[in-house]
Amino acid sequence: MQSFWLYSLWVLAPLMQGAVAYRIYVRRLSRNYPVFLVYTIGQLLRFLVLFYCYRSGNRELYRHAYVAFAPINVVLQFAAICEIFSQVFQQYKGIRVLGWTLLRWTSLIFLFIAIVIAVYTSGQESDRFLAAFFALERSVQIVQAGLLFLLFGLTLCLGLSWKHESLGIALGFGAITAVDLITFTLRSQFGSSHQQLLSLISNGAYDLAVAIWLIAFWVRKPAHHFDQHLSSWDVASWNRTLTELLRR
């Protein structure tokens, strides 16, 4: 039964992602989200290659293909998050420059924390290569979670508005990051004994994220604004002040 659901969730994601890519093309949103479009197309290609390897029954080929796509996937995810950051702070040059500085330092801090956790984690995985790979994957998820937390924290504190599509992309990556962080941690602790169940949970979270992206790009809604008490701040004045300080 688990194999049936795992297979179903695995096939469902590229179908929805194809609809997302089509919607981005039709609405000409590729100018605003070029990196996310490349990420979406890349995920479709990744599915085709992994699906072929899976159907061929060659586990070693599947493993090599999965590991080969992993760094490309990580780079595109980080680039997509940075793209969202630029979209949110597009109108505020001063805040955007300050935000990029915070983003770089936060990335380094969370990267250091992730490396420390990876080094001092002892898992039950018998395959040393897989153990190292899962530890690295978890480290990446820690860094990504930190960047998303910073992004949401800054926009919440400043009361900035989000484009509907940008918010959907960020929420989707947030869902993937949260669940993958849990599953990679469990996998590093318990090894491959619960591999199928953890893969089912991970694929379910990814399908949820793609569903969020599908809704975000197919449903037309106005920009979302975080109506908090801090949103009463004069953000434009803060931006002008920061811009003047950066010119000095």
C-alpha atoms as a PDB file:
ATOM      1  CA  MET A   1       0.000   0.000   0.000  1.00  0.00           C
ATOM      2  CA  GLN A   2       2.848   2.396   0.846  1.00  0.00           C
ATOM      3  CA  SER A   3       4.428   1.676  -2.540  1.00  0.00           C
ATOM      4  CA  PHE A   4       1.180   2.591  -4.302  1.00  0.00           C
ATOM      5  CA  TRP A   5       0.877   5.944  -2.502  1.00  0.00           C
ATOM      6  CA  LEU A   6       4.571   6.691  -2.957  1.00  0.00           C
ATOM      7  CA  TYR A   7       4.286   6.026  -6.685  1.00  0.00           C
ATOM      8  CA  SER A   8       1.105   8.152  -6.939  1.00  0.00           C
ATOM      9  CA  LEU A   9       2.585  11.135  -5.094  1.00  0.00           C
ATOM     10  CA  TRP A  10       5.743  10.912  -7.158  1.00  0.00           C
ATOM     11  CA  VAL A  11       3.852  11.065 -10.458  1.00  0.00           C
ATOM     12  CA  LEU A  12       1.370  13.739  -9.327  1.00  0.00           C
ATOM     13  CA  ALA A  13       4.019  16.414  -8.667  1.00  0.00           C
ATOM     14  CA  PRO A  14       5.331  16.805 -12.271  1.00  0.00           C
ATOM     15  CA  LEU A  15       1.780  17.003 -13.612  1.00  0.00           C
ATOM     16  CA  MET A  16       1.043  19.960 -11.351  1.00  0.00           C
ATOM     17  CA  GLN A  17       4.453  21.508 -12.047  1.00  0.00           C
ATOM     18  CA  GLY A  18       3.782  21.322 -15.748  1.00  0.00           C
ATOM     19  CA  ALA A  19       0.603  23.341 -15.128  1.00  0.00           C
ATOM     20  CA  VAL A  20       2.621  25.848 -13.058  1.00  0.00           C
ATOM     21  CA  ALA A  21       5.200  26.300 -15.834  1.00  0.00           C
ATOM     22  CA  TYR A  22       2.415  26.706 -18.409  1.00  0.00           C
ATOM     23  CA  ARG A  23       0.707  29.346 -16.283  1.00  0.00           C
ATOM     24  CA  ILE A  24       3.933  31.300 -15.829  1.00  0.00           C
ATOM     25  CA  TYR A  25       4.453  31.268 -19.598  1.00  0.00           C
ATOM     26  CA  VAL A  26       0.866  32.263 -20.443  1.00  0.00           C
ATOM     27  CA  ARG A  27       0.785  35.122 -17.930  1.00  0.00           C
ATOM     28  CA  ARG A  28       4.259  36.230 -19.020  1.00  0.00           C
ATOM     29  CA  LEU A  29       5.518  36.045 -15.456  1.00  0.00           C
ATOM     30  CA  SER A  30       8.863  34.640 -16.523  1.00  0.00           C
ATOM     31  CA  ARG A  31      10.208  38.195 -16.448  1.00  0.00           C
ATOM     32  CA  ASN A  32       9.402  38.404 -12.732  1.00  0.00           C
ATOM     33  CA  TYR A  33      10.258  34.822 -11.780  1.00  0.00           C
ATOM     34  CA  PRO A  34      12.895  33.547 -14.246  1.00  0.00           C
ATOM     35  CA  VAL A  35      14.777  31.520 -11.625  1.00  0.00           C
ATOM     36  CA  PHE A  36      11.630  29.859 -10.314  1.00  0.00           C
ATOM     37  CA  LEU A  37      10.649  28.950 -13.884  1.00  0.00           C
ATOM     38  CA  VAL A  38      14.074  27.377 -14.438  1.00  0.00           C
ATOM     39  CA  TYR A  39      13.676  25.524 -11.128  1.00  0.00           C
ATOM     40  CA  THR A  40      10.265  24.223 -12.198  1.00  0.00           C
ATOM     41  CA  ILE A  41      11.538  23.035 -15.588  1.00  0.00           C
ATOM     42  CA  GLY A  42      14.572  21.519 -13.879  1.00  0.00           C
ATOM     43  CA  GLN A  43      12.313  19.540 -11.552  1.00  0.00           C
ATOM     44  CA  LEU A  44      10.416  18.180 -14.553  1.00  0.00           C
ATOM     45  CA  LEU A  45      13.665  17.026 -16.178  1.00  0.00           C
ATOM     46  CA  ARG A  46      14.790  15.563 -12.855  1.00  0.00           C
ATOM     47  CA  PHE A  47      11.567  13.561 -12.606  1.00  0.00           C
ATOM     48  CA  LEU A  48      11.962  12.159 -16.124  1.00  0.00           C
ATOM     49  CA  VAL A  49      15.530  11.000 -15.463  1.00  0.00           C
ATOM     50  CA  LEU A  50      14.794   9.532 -12.015  1.00  0.00           C
ATOM     51  CA  PHE A  51      11.596   7.895 -13.236  1.00  0.00           C
ATOM     52  CA  TYR A  52      13.507   6.215 -16.067  1.00  0.00           C
ATOM     53  CA  CYS A  53      16.168   4.984 -13.633  1.00  0.00           C
ATOM     54  CA  TYR A  54      13.491   3.734 -11.243  1.00  0.00           C
ATOM     55  CA  ARG A  55      11.587   1.872 -13.954  1.00  0.00           C
ATOM     56  CA  SER A  56      14.785   0.304 -15.261  1.00  0.00           C
ATOM     57  CA  GLY A  57      15.309  -1.292 -11.861  1.00  0.00           C
ATOM     58  CA  ASN A  58      18.921  -0.128 -11.671  1.00  0.00           C
ATOM     59  CA  ARG A  59      19.288   1.096  -8.088  1.00  0.00           C
ATOM     60  CA  GLU A  60      22.903   2.154  -8.553  1.00  0.00           C
ATOM     61  CA  LEU A  61      22.007   4.288 -11.591  1.00  0.00           C
ATOM     62  CA  TYR A  62      19.091   5.850  -9.690  1.00  0.00           C
ATOM     63  CA  ARG A  63      21.362   6.646  -6.769  1.00  0.00           C
ATOM     64  CA  HIS A  64      23.990   8.336  -8.964  1.00  0.00           C
ATOM     65  CA  ALA A  65      21.311  10.350 -10.786  1.00  0.00           C
ATOM     66  CA  TYR A  66      19.704  11.462  -7.509  1.00  0.00           C
ATOM     67  CA  VAL A  67      23.036  12.588  -6.065  1.00  0.00           C
ATOM     68  CA  ALA A  68      23.967  14.361  -9.319  1.00  0.00           C
ATOM     69  CA  PHE A  69      20.758  16.404  -9.345  1.00  0.00           C
ATOM     70  CA  ALA A  70      21.002  17.302  -5.630  1.00  0.00           C
ATOM     71  CA  PRO A  71      23.513  20.215  -5.889  1.00  0.00           C
ATOM     72  CA  ILE A  72      21.689  21.677  -8.905  1.00  0.00           C
ATOM     73  CA  ASN A  73      18.431  21.524  -6.976  1.00  0.00           C
ATOM     74  CA  VAL A  74      19.996  23.234  -3.951  1.00  0.00           C
ATOM     75  CA  VAL A  75      21.471  26.079  -6.019  1.00  0.00           C
ATOM     76  CA  LEU A  76      18.161  26.732  -7.784  1.00  0.00           C
ATOM     77  CA  GLN A  77      16.234  26.691  -4.498  1.00  0.00           C
ATOM     78  CA  PHE A  78      18.555  29.258  -2.919  1.00  0.00           C
ATOM     79  CA  ALA A  79      18.446  31.363  -6.076  1.00  0.00           C
ATOM     80  CA  ALA A  80      14.625  31.240  -6.072  1.00  0.00           C
ATOM     81  CA  ILE A  81      14.523  32.415  -2.443  1.00  0.00           C
ATOM     82  CA  CYS A  82      16.852  35.303  -3.328  1.00  0.00           C
ATOM     83  CA  GLU A  83      14.564  36.102  -6.262  1.00  0.00           C
ATOM     84  CA  ILE A  84      11.598  36.359  -3.893  1.00  0.00           C
ATOM     85  CA  PHE A  85      13.659  38.619  -1.648  1.00  0.00           C
ATOM     86  CA  SER A  86      14.333  40.956  -4.577  1.00  0.00           C
ATOM     87  CA  GLN A  87      10.632  40.987  -5.494  1.00  0.00           C
ATOM     88  CA  VAL A  88       9.500  41.876  -1.975  1.00  0.00           C
ATOM     89  CA  PHE A  89      12.047  44.669  -1.491  1.00  0.00           C
ATOM     90  CA  GLN A  90      12.037  45.877  -5.089  1.00  0.00           C
ATOM     91  CA  GLN A  91      10.617  49.309  -4.267  1.00  0.00           C
ATOM     92  CA  TYR A  92      12.949  49.954  -1.331  1.00  0.00           C
ATOM     93  CA  LYS A  93      16.585  50.222  -2.422  1.00  0.00           C
ATOM     94  CA  GLY A  94      17.977  51.107   0.988  1.00  0.00           C
ATOM     95  CA  ILE A  95      16.131  48.324   2.790  1.00  0.00           C
ATOM     96  CA  ARG A  96      17.051  45.904  -0.001  1.00  0.00           C
ATOM     97  CA  VAL A  97      20.786  46.615   0.396  1.00  0.00           C
ATOM     98  CA  LEU A  98      20.529  46.215   4.167  1.00  0.00           C
ATOM     99  CA  GLY A  99      18.496  43.056   3.683  1.00  0.00           C
ATOM    100  CA  TRP A 100      21.094  41.560   1.341  1.00  0.00           C
ATOM    101  CA  THR A 101      23.752  42.207   3.978  1.00  0.00           C
ATOM    102  CA  LEU A 102      21.655  40.481   6.624  1.00  0.00           C
ATOM    103  CA  LEU A 103      20.951  37.663   4.185  1.00  0.00           C
ATOM    104  CA  ARG A 104      24.654  37.022   3.576  1.00  0.00           C
ATOM    105  CA  TRP A 105      25.573  37.082   7.269  1.00  0.00           C
ATOM    106  CA  THR A 106      22.593  34.935   8.200  1.00  0.00           C
ATOM    107  CA  SER A 107      23.574  32.416   5.526  1.00  0.00           C
ATOM    108  CA  LEU A 108      27.094  32.183   6.966  1.00  0.00           C
ATOM    109  CA  ILE A 109      25.808  31.784  10.524  1.00  0.00           C
ATOM    110  CA  PHE A 110      23.306  29.080   9.663  1.00  0.00           C
ATOM    111  CA  LEU A 111      25.889  27.376   7.442  1.00  0.00           C
ATOM    112  CA  PHE A 112      28.287  27.234  10.386  1.00  0.00           C
ATOM    113  CA  ILE A 113      25.546  25.817  12.626  1.00  0.00           C
ATOM    114  CA  ALA A 114      24.622  23.267   9.967  1.00  0.00           C
ATOM    115  CA  ILE A 115      28.239  22.118   9.561  1.00  0.00           C
ATOM    116  CA  VAL A 116      28.644  21.710  13.319  1.00  0.00           C
ATOM    117  CA  ILE A 117      25.454  19.642  13.526  1.00  0.00           C
ATOM    118  CA  ALA A 118      26.514  17.500  10.561  1.00  0.00           C
ATOM    119  CA  VAL A 119      29.955  16.821  12.056  1.00  0.00           C
ATOM    120  CA  TYR A 120      28.721  15.888  15.532  1.00  0.00           C
ATOM    121  CA  THR A 121      25.730  13.819  14.417  1.00  0.00           C
ATOM    122  CA  SER A 122      26.100  10.072  14.665  1.00  0.00           C
ATOM    123  CA  GLY A 123      23.469   8.219  12.669  1.00  0.00           C
ATOM    124  CA  GLN A 124      22.461   4.592  12.204  1.00  0.00           C
ATOM    125  CA  GLU A 125      22.955   4.553   8.435  1.00  0.00           C
ATOM    126  CA  SER A 126      25.220   1.627   7.527  1.00  0.00           C
ATOM    127  CA  ASP A 127      26.290   3.205   4.230  1.00  0.00           C
ATOM    128  CA  ARG A 128      28.799   5.918   5.100  1.00  0.00           C
ATOM    129  CA  PHE A 129      28.210   7.716   1.816  1.00  0.00           C
ATOM    130  CA  LEU A 130      24.453   7.901   2.406  1.00  0.00           C
ATOM    131  CA  ALA A 131      24.996   8.967   5.995  1.00  0.00           C
ATOM    132  CA  ALA A 132      27.212  11.849   4.857  1.00  0.00           C
ATOM    133  CA  PHE A 133      24.800  12.736   2.063  1.00  0.00           C
ATOM    134  CA  PHE A 134      21.769  12.879   4.397  1.00  0.00           C
ATOM    135  CA  ALA A 135      23.755  14.955   6.901  1.00  0.00           C
ATOM    136  CA  LEU A 136      24.647  17.376   4.117  1.00  0.00           C
ATOM    137  CA  GLU A 137      21.019  17.521   2.955  1.00  0.00           C
ATOM    138  CA  ARG A 138      19.885  18.331   6.476  1.00  0.00           C
ATOM    139  CA  SER A 139      22.530  21.053   6.733  1.00  0.00           C
ATOM    140  CA  VAL A 140      21.209  22.620   3.536  1.00  0.00           C
ATOM    141  CA  GLN A 141      17.667  22.553   4.911  1.00  0.00           C
ATOM    142  CA  ILE A 142      18.844  24.329   8.083  1.00  0.00           C
ATOM    143  CA  VAL A 143      20.389  27.148   6.040  1.00  0.00           C
ATOM    144  CA  GLN A 144      17.303  27.392   3.833  1.00  0.00           C
ATOM    145  CA  ALA A 145      14.990  27.484   6.853  1.00  0.00           C
ATOM    146  CA  GLY A 146      17.056  30.325   8.311  1.00  0.00           C
ATOM    147  CA  LEU A 147      16.806  32.359   5.108  1.00  0.00           C
ATOM    148  CA  LEU A 148      13.039  31.880   4.885  1.00  0.00           C
ATOM    149  CA  PHE A 149      12.676  32.823   8.545  1.00  0.00           C
ATOM    150  CA  LEU A 150      14.673  36.000   7.904  1.00  0.00           C
ATOM    151  CA  LEU A 151      12.584  36.832   4.841  1.00  0.00           C
ATOM    152  CA  PHE A 152       9.264  36.404   6.630  1.00  0.00           C
ATOM    153  CA  GLY A 153      10.590  38.149   9.736  1.00  0.00           C
ATOM    154  CA  LEU A 154      11.727  41.266   7.869  1.00  0.00           C
ATOM    155  CA  THR A 155       8.510  41.621   5.881  1.00  0.00           C
ATOM    156  CA  LEU A 156       6.408  41.032   8.985  1.00  0.00           C
ATOM    157  CA  CYS A 157       8.283  43.631  11.032  1.00  0.00           C
ATOM    158  CA  LEU A 158       8.218  46.220   8.255  1.00  0.00           C
ATOM    159  CA  GLY A 159       4.641  45.454   7.235  1.00  0.00           C
ATOM    160  CA  LEU A 160       5.553  45.111   3.552  1.00  0.00           C
ATOM    161  CA  SER A 161       3.191  43.761   0.919  1.00  0.00           C
ATOM    162  CA  TRP A 162       3.800  40.546  -1.011  1.00  0.00           C
ATOM    163  CA  LYS A 163       2.803  39.709  -4.535  1.00  0.00           C
ATOM    164  CA  HIS A 164       0.412  36.774  -4.420  1.00  0.00           C
ATOM    165  CA  GLU A 165       2.793  34.617  -6.463  1.00  0.00           C
ATOM    166  CA  SER A 166       5.834  35.489  -4.313  1.00  0.00           C
ATOM    167  CA  LEU A 167       3.984  34.561  -1.135  1.00  0.00           C
ATOM    168  CA  GLY A 168       2.918  31.243  -2.663  1.00  0.00           C
ATOM    169  CA  ILE A 169       6.474  30.402  -3.710  1.00  0.00           C
ATOM    170  CA  ALA A 170       7.824  31.227  -0.242  1.00  0.00           C
ATOM    171  CA  LEU A 171       5.127  29.184   1.528  1.00  0.00           C
ATOM    172  CA  GLY A 172       5.790  26.240  -0.786  1.00  0.00           C
ATOM    173  CA  PHE A 173       9.510  26.267  -0.078  1.00  0.00           C
ATOM    174  CA  GLY A 174       8.714  26.650   3.611  1.00  0.00           C
ATOM    175  CA  ALA A 175       6.604  23.483   3.561  1.00  0.00           C
ATOM    176  CA  ILE A 176       9.314  21.529   1.731  1.00  0.00           C
ATOM    177  CA  THR A 177      12.043  22.767   4.063  1.00  0.00           C
ATOM    178  CA  ALA A 178      10.155  22.038   7.286  1.00  0.00           C
ATOM    179  CA  VAL A 179       9.203  18.480   6.354  1.00  0.00           C
ATOM    180  CA  ASP A 180      12.534  17.613   4.721  1.00  0.00           C
ATOM    181  CA  LEU A 181      14.388  18.875   7.781  1.00  0.00           C
ATOM    182  CA  ILE A 182      12.385  16.449   9.916  1.00  0.00           C
ATOM    183  CA  THR A 183      12.670  13.488   7.541  1.00  0.00           C
ATOM    184  CA  PHE A 184      16.411  13.896   6.959  1.00  0.00           C
ATOM    185  CA  THR A 185      16.953  14.107  10.707  1.00  0.00           C
ATOM    186  CA  LEU A 186      14.949  10.917  11.288  1.00  0.00           C
ATOM    187  CA  ARG A 187      16.688   9.171   8.410  1.00  0.00           C
ATOM    188  CA  SER A 188      20.132  10.058   9.774  1.00  0.00           C
ATOM    189  CA  GLN A 189      19.136   8.668  13.162  1.00  0.00           C
ATOM    190  CA  PHE A 190      17.321   5.473  12.152  1.00  0.00           C
ATOM    191  CA  GLY A 191      19.016   4.661   8.850  1.00  0.00           C
ATOM    192  CA  SER A 192      17.118   2.983   6.028  1.00  0.00           C
ATOM    193  CA  SER A 193      14.729   0.987   8.236  1.00  0.00           C
ATOM    194  CA  HIS A 194      11.907   3.498   7.674  1.00  0.00           C
ATOM    195  CA  GLN A 195      13.026   4.644   4.221  1.00  0.00           C
ATOM    196  CA  GLN A 196       9.717   4.046   2.438  1.00  0.00           C
ATOM    197  CA  LEU A 197       7.593   5.800   5.061  1.00  0.00           C
ATOM    198  CA  LEU A 198       9.924   8.808   5.216  1.00  0.00           C
ATOM    199  CA  SER A 199       9.969   9.029   1.415  1.00  0.00           C
ATOM    200  CA  LEU A 200       6.168   8.963   1.429  1.00  0.00           C
ATOM    201  CA  ILE A 201       6.061  11.873   3.902  1.00  0.00           C
ATOM    202  CA  SER A 202       8.680  13.832   1.963  1.00  0.00           C
ATOM    203  CA  ASN A 203       6.903  13.333  -1.377  1.00  0.00           C
ATOM    204  CA  GLY A 204       3.590  14.296   0.208  1.00  0.00           C
ATOM    205  CA  ALA A 205       5.105  17.562   1.461  1.00  0.00           C
ATOM    206  CA  TYR A 206       6.544  18.313  -1.969  1.00  0.00           C
ATOM    207  CA  ASP A 207       3.172  17.678  -3.603  1.00  0.00           C
ATOM    208  CA  LEU A 208       1.607  20.066  -1.089  1.00  0.00           C
ATOM    209  CA  ALA A 209       4.170  22.720  -2.016  1.00  0.00           C
ATOM    210  CA  VAL A 210       3.501  22.282  -5.732  1.00  0.00           C
ATOM    211  CA  ALA A 211      -0.238  22.535  -5.044  1.00  0.00           C
ATOM    212  CA  ILE A 212       0.406  25.848  -3.244  1.00  0.00           C
ATOM    213  CA  TRP A 213       2.393  27.100  -6.253  1.00  0.00           C
ATOM    214  CA  LEU A 214      -0.366  25.971  -8.589  1.00  0.00           C
ATOM    215  CA  ILE A 215      -2.974  27.922  -6.635  1.00  0.00           C
ATOM    216  CA  ALA A 216      -0.692  30.963  -6.382  1.00  0.00           C
ATOM    217  CA  PHE A 217      -0.195  31.204 -10.152  1.00  0.00           C
ATOM    218  CA  TRP A 218      -3.687  30.193 -11.261  1.00  0.00           C
ATOM    219  CA  VAL A 219      -5.771  32.265  -8.827  1.00  0.00           C
ATOM    220  CA  ARG A 220      -5.546  35.995  -9.389  1.00  0.00           C
ATOM    221  CA  LYS A 221      -5.514  37.909  -6.120  1.00  0.00           C
ATOM    222  CA  PRO A 222      -4.253  41.331  -5.019  1.00  0.00           C
ATOM    223  CA  ALA A 223      -0.996  41.735  -3.132  1.00  0.00           C
ATOM    224  CA  HIS A 224      -1.011  40.378   0.403  1.00  0.00           C
ATOM    225  CA  HIS A 225      -0.167  42.844   3.164  1.00  0.00           C
ATOM    226  CA  PHE A 226       0.884  41.900   6.670  1.00  0.00           C
ATOM    227  CA  ASP A 227      -1.432  44.102   8.714  1.00  0.00           C
ATOM    228  CA  GLN A 228       0.521  44.183  11.924  1.00  0.00           C
ATOM    229  CA  HIS A 229       0.884  47.100  14.322  1.00  0.00           C
ATOM    230  CA  LEU A 230       4.411  47.618  13.017  1.00  0.00           C
ATOM    231  CA  SER A 231       3.041  48.211   9.530  1.00  0.00           C
ATOM    232  CA  SER A 232       2.121  51.710  10.662  1.00  0.00           C
ATOM    233  CA  TRP A 233       5.811  52.594  10.361  1.00  0.00           C
ATOM    234  CA  ASP A 234       6.652  54.929   7.523  1.00  0.00           C
ATOM    235  CA  VAL A 235       8.632  52.409   5.496  1.00  0.00           C
ATOM    236  CA  ALA A 236       9.329  54.930   2.742  1.00  0.00           C
ATOM    237  CA  SER A 237      11.030  57.236   5.251  1.00  0.00           C
ATOM    238  CA  TRP A 238      13.131  54.368   6.563  1.00  0.00           C
ATOM    239  CA  ASN A 239      14.119  53.517   2.998  1.00  0.00           C
ATOM    240  CA  ARG A 240      15.116  57.119   2.219  1.00  0.00           C
ATOM    241  CA  THR A 241      17.181  57.332   5.393  1.00  0.00           C
ATOM    242  CA  LEU A 242      19.003  54.080   4.658  1.00  0.00           C
ATOM    243  CA  THR A 243      19.628  55.128   1.061  1.00  0.00           C
ATOM    244  CA  GLU A 244      21.161  58.406   2.225  1.00  0.00           C
ATOM    245  CA  LEU A 245      23.379  56.583   4.725  1.00  0.00           C
ATOM    246  CA  LEU A 246      24.560  54.156   2.052  1.00  0.00           C
ATOM    247  CA  ARG A 247      25.551  57.060  -0.236  1.00  0.00           C
ATOM    248  CA  ARG A 248      27.891  58.504   2.371  1.00  0.00           C
END
